[in-house]
Amino acid sequence: MKPTQEELKRLFRYDPVTGQLRWRVATSNRIRAGDIAGSKSRGYIAVKVNGYSSRAHRIIWCLVKGYWPEAIDHINRDGTDNRLCNLREASQTINMQNTNLSKRNKSGVKGVSYDSTRNRWIASIGGRHIGRYHSLQEAEEARASAERDRRWGEGGRHAVL
């Protein structure tokens, strides 16, 4: 069961400047008061509290804001940077849009790919087709325009809920 904000306040001390979560109390022979909570796991800091496993940024959000969020986005895309100024509550959709360029991307532009059967560049956003273009520059401009247009949904690093 998820711990309450009161229980988290009893167990942890959070520094919003450094983003560090530290134990207030010793919970075992291995965990002493003052130790940094959690360990790195898959690009995030994972913490176990009374049998409940969570990522540190979610614990921090509940500790500071008082509730467990649906999803938390790291604005700078660094999952270990848990400074409060780098965390924002976001929908899962927006969280997924704030990702780095795929290693498989050949165009160098997020949301732009090449259709070799039609010899056109394709622009898309959030899995939705924007259009086909003769040049990479046209596709890139269309993608950037769609990202700014609310009809396509908010996303990217500067979206705020």
C-alpha atoms as a PDB file:
ATOM      1  CA  MET A   1       0.000   0.000   0.000  1.00  0.00           C
ATOM      2  CA  LYS A   2       1.225   3.506  -0.835  1.00  0.00           C
ATOM      3  CA  PRO A   3       2.505   5.398   2.195  1.00  0.00           C
ATOM      4  CA  THR A   4       0.717   8.593   3.215  1.00  0.00           C
ATOM      5  CA  GLN A   5       2.299  12.030   3.126  1.00  0.00           C
ATOM      6  CA  GLU A   6       2.532  11.943   6.940  1.00  0.00           C
ATOM      7  CA  GLU A   7       4.424   8.645   6.852  1.00  0.00           C
ATOM      8  CA  LEU A   8       6.761   9.971   4.133  1.00  0.00           C
ATOM      9  CA  LYS A   9       7.456  13.098   6.224  1.00  0.00           C
ATOM     10  CA  ARG A  10       8.361  10.862   9.150  1.00  0.00           C
ATOM     11  CA  LEU A  11      10.703   8.717   7.029  1.00  0.00           C
ATOM     12  CA  PHE A  12      12.349  11.192   4.629  1.00  0.00           C
ATOM     13  CA  ARG A  13      14.038  14.564   4.396  1.00  0.00           C
ATOM     14  CA  TYR A  14      14.023  16.171   0.956  1.00  0.00           C
ATOM     15  CA  ASP A  15      16.334  18.902  -0.349  1.00  0.00           C
ATOM     16  CA  PRO A  16      14.630  20.642  -3.321  1.00  0.00           C
ATOM     17  CA  VAL A  17      17.899  22.347  -4.331  1.00  0.00           C
ATOM     18  CA  THR A  18      19.915  19.133  -4.773  1.00  0.00           C
ATOM     19  CA  GLY A  19      16.960  16.800  -5.358  1.00  0.00           C
ATOM     20  CA  GLN A  20      18.266  14.359  -2.755  1.00  0.00           C
ATOM     21  CA  LEU A  21      15.926  12.260  -0.674  1.00  0.00           C
ATOM     22  CA  ARG A  22      17.466  11.136   2.641  1.00  0.00           C
ATOM     23  CA  TRP A  23      16.261   8.822   5.364  1.00  0.00           C
ATOM     24  CA  ARG A  24      15.296  10.538   8.632  1.00  0.00           C
ATOM     25  CA  VAL A  25      15.288   7.265  10.551  1.00  0.00           C
ATOM     26  CA  ALA A  26      17.220   4.017  10.448  1.00  0.00           C
ATOM     27  CA  THR A  27      15.012   1.346   8.903  1.00  0.00           C
ATOM     28  CA  SER A  28      17.485  -1.554   9.054  1.00  0.00           C
ATOM     29  CA  ASN A  29      21.119  -2.405   9.750  1.00  0.00           C
ATOM     30  CA  ARG A  30      21.946  -1.285   6.194  1.00  0.00           C
ATOM     31  CA  ILE A  31      19.913   1.950   6.180  1.00  0.00           C
ATOM     32  CA  ARG A  32      20.881   4.618   8.695  1.00  0.00           C
ATOM     33  CA  ALA A  33      19.439   8.056   9.348  1.00  0.00           C
ATOM     34  CA  GLY A  34      20.995  10.546   6.923  1.00  0.00           C
ATOM     35  CA  ASP A  35      21.677   8.003   4.166  1.00  0.00           C
ATOM     36  CA  ILE A  36      20.557   8.862   0.635  1.00  0.00           C
ATOM     37  CA  ALA A  37      17.377   6.932  -0.097  1.00  0.00           C
ATOM     38  CA  GLY A  38      17.191   4.533  -3.012  1.00  0.00           C
ATOM     39  CA  SER A  39      19.447   3.279  -5.753  1.00  0.00           C
ATOM     40  CA  LYS A  40      19.676   3.843  -9.490  1.00  0.00           C
ATOM     41  CA  SER A  41      17.490   1.505 -11.531  1.00  0.00           C
ATOM     42  CA  ARG A  42      16.720   1.879 -15.250  1.00  0.00           C
ATOM     43  CA  GLY A  43      17.604   5.566 -15.319  1.00  0.00           C
ATOM     44  CA  TYR A  44      15.657   6.518 -12.177  1.00  0.00           C
ATOM     45  CA  ILE A  45      16.137   6.352  -8.413  1.00  0.00           C
ATOM     46  CA  ALA A  46      14.105   3.475  -6.946  1.00  0.00           C
ATOM     47  CA  VAL A  47      13.105   3.450  -3.268  1.00  0.00           C
ATOM     48  CA  LYS A  48      11.383   0.789  -1.178  1.00  0.00           C
ATOM     49  CA  VAL A  49       9.188   1.975   1.702  1.00  0.00           C
ATOM     50  CA  ASN A  50       7.640  -0.639   3.997  1.00  0.00           C
ATOM     51  CA  GLY A  51       7.460  -3.159   1.160  1.00  0.00           C
ATOM     52  CA  TYR A  52       6.131  -0.619  -1.367  1.00  0.00           C
ATOM     53  CA  SER A  53       8.489   0.076  -4.276  1.00  0.00           C
ATOM     54  CA  SER A  54       8.365   3.443  -6.010  1.00  0.00           C
ATOM     55  CA  ARG A  55      10.547   5.862  -7.885  1.00  0.00           C
ATOM     56  CA  ALA A  56      11.989   8.663  -5.784  1.00  0.00           C
ATOM     57  CA  HIS A  57      10.402  11.418  -7.883  1.00  0.00           C
ATOM     58  CA  ARG A  58       6.921  10.075  -7.103  1.00  0.00           C
ATOM     59  CA  ILE A  59       7.710   9.908  -3.389  1.00  0.00           C
ATOM     60  CA  ILE A  60       9.082  13.450  -3.542  1.00  0.00           C
ATOM     61  CA  TRP A  61       5.920  14.683  -5.256  1.00  0.00           C
ATOM     62  CA  CYS A  62       3.704  13.155  -2.572  1.00  0.00           C
ATOM     63  CA  LEU A  63       6.012  14.416   0.169  1.00  0.00           C
ATOM     64  CA  VAL A  64       5.881  18.006  -1.135  1.00  0.00           C
ATOM     65  CA  LYS A  65       2.443  18.243  -2.788  1.00  0.00           C
ATOM     66  CA  GLY A  66       0.478  15.831  -0.598  1.00  0.00           C
ATOM     67  CA  TYR A  67      -0.804  13.368  -3.203  1.00  0.00           C
ATOM     68  CA  TRP A  68       0.410  10.606  -5.502  1.00  0.00           C
ATOM     69  CA  PRO A  69       0.487  11.802  -9.133  1.00  0.00           C
ATOM     70  CA  GLU A  70      -0.622   9.938 -12.265  1.00  0.00           C
ATOM     71  CA  ALA A  71       2.723  10.661 -13.926  1.00  0.00           C
ATOM     72  CA  ILE A  72       5.749  12.866 -13.275  1.00  0.00           C
ATOM     73  CA  ASP A  73       7.879  14.270 -16.058  1.00  0.00           C
ATOM     74  CA  HIS A  74      11.543  15.193 -15.676  1.00  0.00           C
ATOM     75  CA  ILE A  75      11.707  18.404 -17.716  1.00  0.00           C
ATOM     76  CA  ASN A  76      15.409  18.012 -18.564  1.00  0.00           C
ATOM     77  CA  ARG A  77      14.911  14.287 -19.319  1.00  0.00           C
ATOM     78  CA  ASP A  78      17.364  13.185 -16.606  1.00  0.00           C
ATOM     79  CA  GLY A  79      15.493  10.643 -14.497  1.00  0.00           C
ATOM     80  CA  THR A  80      17.970  10.993 -11.633  1.00  0.00           C
ATOM     81  CA  ASP A  81      17.584  14.804 -11.394  1.00  0.00           C
ATOM     82  CA  ASN A  82      14.864  15.044  -8.756  1.00  0.00           C
ATOM     83  CA  ARG A  83      15.101  18.765  -8.026  1.00  0.00           C
ATOM     84  CA  LEU A  84      11.576  20.110  -7.608  1.00  0.00           C
ATOM     85  CA  CYS A  85      12.182  22.698 -10.357  1.00  0.00           C
ATOM     86  CA  ASN A  86      12.828  19.789 -12.765  1.00  0.00           C
ATOM     87  CA  LEU A  87       9.656  17.843 -11.900  1.00  0.00           C
ATOM     88  CA  ARG A  88       6.175  18.476 -13.234  1.00  0.00           C
ATOM     89  CA  GLU A  89       2.949  16.562 -13.086  1.00  0.00           C
ATOM     90  CA  ALA A  90       2.001  15.452 -16.574  1.00  0.00           C
ATOM     91  CA  SER A  91      -0.269  13.054 -18.380  1.00  0.00           C
ATOM     92  CA  GLN A  92       1.367   9.872 -19.627  1.00  0.00           C
ATOM     93  CA  THR A  93       1.017  11.218 -23.185  1.00  0.00           C
ATOM     94  CA  ILE A  94       2.977  14.383 -22.467  1.00  0.00           C
ATOM     95  CA  ASN A  95       5.522  12.429 -20.468  1.00  0.00           C
ATOM     96  CA  MET A  96       6.131  10.158 -23.477  1.00  0.00           C
ATOM     97  CA  GLN A  97       6.464  13.142 -25.834  1.00  0.00           C
ATOM     98  CA  ASN A  98       9.284  14.559 -23.715  1.00  0.00           C
ATOM     99  CA  THR A  99      11.790  11.944 -24.869  1.00  0.00           C
ATOM    100  CA  ASN A 100      15.120  11.998 -26.608  1.00  0.00           C
ATOM    101  CA  LEU A 101      15.497  11.355 -30.320  1.00  0.00           C
ATOM    102  CA  SER A 102      15.282   7.633 -31.106  1.00  0.00           C
ATOM    103  CA  LYS A 103      18.560   5.909 -31.987  1.00  0.00           C
ATOM    104  CA  ARG A 104      16.801   4.579 -35.100  1.00  0.00           C
ATOM    105  CA  ASN A 105      15.906   8.075 -36.351  1.00  0.00           C
ATOM    106  CA  LYS A 106      17.710   8.735 -39.638  1.00  0.00           C
ATOM    107  CA  SER A 107      16.462  12.300 -40.287  1.00  0.00           C
ATOM    108  CA  GLY A 108      17.886  13.818 -37.126  1.00  0.00           C
ATOM    109  CA  VAL A 109      14.494  15.438 -36.484  1.00  0.00           C
ATOM    110  CA  LYS A 110      11.964  14.095 -33.993  1.00  0.00           C
ATOM    111  CA  GLY A 111       8.712  13.108 -35.745  1.00  0.00           C
ATOM    112  CA  VAL A 112      10.194  13.181 -39.262  1.00  0.00           C
ATOM    113  CA  SER A 113      10.997  10.099 -41.340  1.00  0.00           C
ATOM    114  CA  TYR A 114      11.621   9.265 -44.995  1.00  0.00           C
ATOM    115  CA  ASP A 115       9.206   7.244 -47.137  1.00  0.00           C
ATOM    116  CA  SER A 116      11.450   5.686 -49.796  1.00  0.00           C
ATOM    117  CA  THR A 117       8.507   4.192 -51.708  1.00  0.00           C
ATOM    118  CA  ARG A 118       7.079   7.681 -52.372  1.00  0.00           C
ATOM    119  CA  ASN A 119      10.345   9.642 -52.147  1.00  0.00           C
ATOM    120  CA  ARG A 120       8.823  12.003 -49.574  1.00  0.00           C
ATOM    121  CA  TRP A 121       9.547  13.091 -46.032  1.00  0.00           C
ATOM    122  CA  ILE A 122       6.764  12.283 -43.547  1.00  0.00           C
ATOM    123  CA  ALA A 123       5.976  14.472 -40.546  1.00  0.00           C
ATOM    124  CA  SER A 124       3.980  13.139 -37.599  1.00  0.00           C
ATOM    125  CA  ILE A 125       3.324  14.011 -33.972  1.00  0.00           C
ATOM    126  CA  GLY A 126       2.133  11.683 -31.243  1.00  0.00           C
ATOM    127  CA  GLY A 127       1.613   8.920 -33.823  1.00  0.00           C
ATOM    128  CA  ARG A 128      -0.672  11.183 -35.876  1.00  0.00           C
ATOM    129  CA  HIS A 129       0.161  11.885 -39.520  1.00  0.00           C
ATOM    130  CA  ILE A 130       0.746  15.553 -40.430  1.00  0.00           C
ATOM    131  CA  GLY A 131       1.734  15.195 -44.077  1.00  0.00           C
ATOM    132  CA  ARG A 132       4.286  14.234 -46.767  1.00  0.00           C
ATOM    133  CA  TYR A 133       6.845  16.751 -48.037  1.00  0.00           C
ATOM    134  CA  HIS A 134       9.423  17.054 -50.814  1.00  0.00           C
ATOM    135  CA  SER A 135      12.203  18.271 -48.509  1.00  0.00           C
ATOM    136  CA  LEU A 136      13.405  17.515 -45.022  1.00  0.00           C
ATOM    137  CA  GLN A 137      13.178  21.235 -44.215  1.00  0.00           C
ATOM    138  CA  GLU A 138       9.473  21.361 -45.170  1.00  0.00           C
ATOM    139  CA  ALA A 139       8.718  18.303 -43.019  1.00  0.00           C
ATOM    140  CA  GLU A 140      10.701  19.741 -40.114  1.00  0.00           C
ATOM    141  CA  GLU A 141       8.825  23.064 -40.352  1.00  0.00           C
ATOM    142  CA  ALA A 142       5.455  21.274 -40.491  1.00  0.00           C
ATOM    143  CA  ARG A 143       6.374  19.199 -37.432  1.00  0.00           C
ATOM    144  CA  ALA A 144       7.508  22.294 -35.498  1.00  0.00           C
ATOM    145  CA  SER A 145       4.336  24.159 -36.462  1.00  0.00           C
ATOM    146  CA  ALA A 146       2.142  21.230 -35.377  1.00  0.00           C
ATOM    147  CA  GLU A 147       3.976  21.044 -32.051  1.00  0.00           C
ATOM    148  CA  ARG A 148       3.076  24.692 -31.378  1.00  0.00           C
ATOM    149  CA  ASP A 149      -0.540  24.205 -32.513  1.00  0.00           C
ATOM    150  CA  ARG A 150      -2.918  23.211 -29.691  1.00  0.00           C
ATOM    151  CA  ARG A 151      -4.995  21.040 -32.076  1.00  0.00           C
ATOM    152  CA  TRP A 152      -2.146  18.534 -32.070  1.00  0.00           C
ATOM    153  CA  GLY A 153      -1.878  18.558 -28.267  1.00  0.00           C
ATOM    154  CA  GLU A 154       0.699  19.983 -25.977  1.00  0.00           C
ATOM    155  CA  GLY A 155       4.016  18.213 -25.728  1.00  0.00           C
ATOM    156  CA  GLY A 156       7.714  18.642 -25.644  1.00  0.00           C
ATOM    157  CA  ARG A 157       9.894  20.021 -22.934  1.00  0.00           C
ATOM    158  CA  HIS A 158       7.917  23.181 -22.252  1.00  0.00           C
ATOM    159  CA  ALA A 159       4.388  21.813 -21.989  1.00  0.00           C
ATOM    160  CA  VAL A 160       2.695  22.569 -18.683  1.00  0.00           C
ATOM    161  CA  LEU A 161      -0.533  21.130 -17.362  1.00  0.00           C
END
